[in-house]
Protein backbone atom coordinates (compact mmCIF):
# COMPACT_ATOMS: atom_id res chain seq x y z
CA MET A 1 83.89 114.62 95.69
CA SER A 2 84.52 114.99 99.41
CA ALA A 3 87.72 113.68 100.90
CA TYR A 4 85.85 111.11 102.98
CA SER A 5 83.92 109.84 99.95
CA TYR A 6 87.14 109.49 98.00
CA LEU A 7 88.84 107.63 100.86
CA ALA A 8 85.91 105.24 101.15
CA GLU A 9 85.83 104.64 97.39
CA VAL A 10 89.58 103.94 97.15
CA LEU A 11 89.54 101.65 100.16
CA ALA A 12 86.71 99.59 98.69
CA GLU A 13 87.92 99.52 95.08
CA LYS A 14 91.72 99.42 95.28
CA TYR A 15 92.28 97.79 98.66
CA ASP A 16 89.25 95.44 98.64
CA VAL A 17 88.01 96.63 102.02
CA ASP A 18 84.49 95.49 102.82
CA GLU A 19 82.26 98.57 102.48
CA ASP A 20 80.44 97.64 105.71
CA LYS A 21 83.73 98.11 107.60
CA ILE A 22 84.40 101.57 106.17
CA GLN A 23 83.21 103.88 108.92
CA PRO A 24 84.42 107.34 110.02
CA GLU A 25 85.80 105.93 113.28
CA ALA A 26 87.63 103.01 111.63
CA THR A 27 91.43 103.03 111.60
CA LEU A 28 93.43 101.93 108.58
CA ALA A 29 94.73 99.02 110.67
CA ASP A 30 91.13 98.02 111.45
CA LEU A 31 90.56 97.92 107.69
CA GLY A 32 93.50 95.60 107.11
CA LEU A 33 96.05 98.05 105.67
CA ASP A 34 99.66 97.47 106.61
CA SER A 35 102.27 100.25 106.74
CA LEU A 36 103.26 99.89 103.08
CA MET A 37 99.63 100.03 101.99
CA VAL A 38 99.11 103.17 104.09
CA VAL A 39 102.01 104.88 102.30
CA GLU A 40 100.55 103.90 98.92
CA PHE A 41 97.13 105.08 100.10
CA LEU A 42 98.58 108.49 100.98
CA PHE A 43 100.20 108.71 97.54
CA ASP A 44 96.78 108.02 95.99
CA VAL A 45 95.26 110.83 98.04
CA GLU A 46 98.03 113.27 97.18
CA ASP A 47 97.69 112.52 93.48
CA GLU A 48 93.90 112.81 93.51
CA PHE A 49 93.78 116.16 95.29
CA ASP A 50 97.15 117.55 94.12
CA ILE A 51 98.30 118.11 97.68
CA GLU A 52 101.25 117.04 99.78
CA VAL A 53 100.69 115.51 103.20
CA PRO A 54 103.63 116.56 105.39
CA ASP A 55 105.28 113.62 107.14
CA GLU A 56 104.61 115.13 110.56
CA ARG A 57 100.88 115.34 109.75
CA ALA A 58 100.58 111.89 108.14
CA GLU A 59 99.80 110.15 111.40
CA PHE A 60 96.09 109.99 112.06
CA GLU A 61 93.96 107.48 113.86
CA THR A 62 90.65 107.31 112.01
CA LEU A 63 89.27 107.79 108.52
CA ASN A 64 87.41 110.82 109.80
CA GLU A 65 90.71 112.37 110.99
CA ALA A 66 92.31 111.57 107.62
CA ALA A 67 89.44 113.19 105.74
CA ALA A 68 89.61 116.29 107.97
CA LEU A 69 93.35 116.59 107.32
CA ILE A 70 92.85 116.26 103.56
CA ASP A 71 90.04 118.83 103.60
CA GLU A 72 92.30 121.21 105.53
CA LEU A 73 95.20 120.75 103.08
CA ILE A 74 92.88 121.29 100.11
CA LYS A 75 91.56 124.49 101.70
CA ILE A 76 95.11 125.75 102.38
CA LYS A 77 96.07 125.07 98.78
CA ARG A 78 93.06 127.00 97.44
CA ASP A 79 93.67 130.05 99.66
């Protein structure tokens, strides 16, 4: 499963985000996630992909940026 697909699935299923609102350019704030929910969301991602998102890299604007970061961290872990 791609990082973006996973993000979209978790947002829809766990955070009850309307699937029509889940777009690559959407921000987590646009989707109704507050700061605590974002932290929990990052924990979900880290657990799913067995990666660690460094604090200094955890600030991204859009879902597309988040997916790109996750893909990069997965690639680094594999190499």
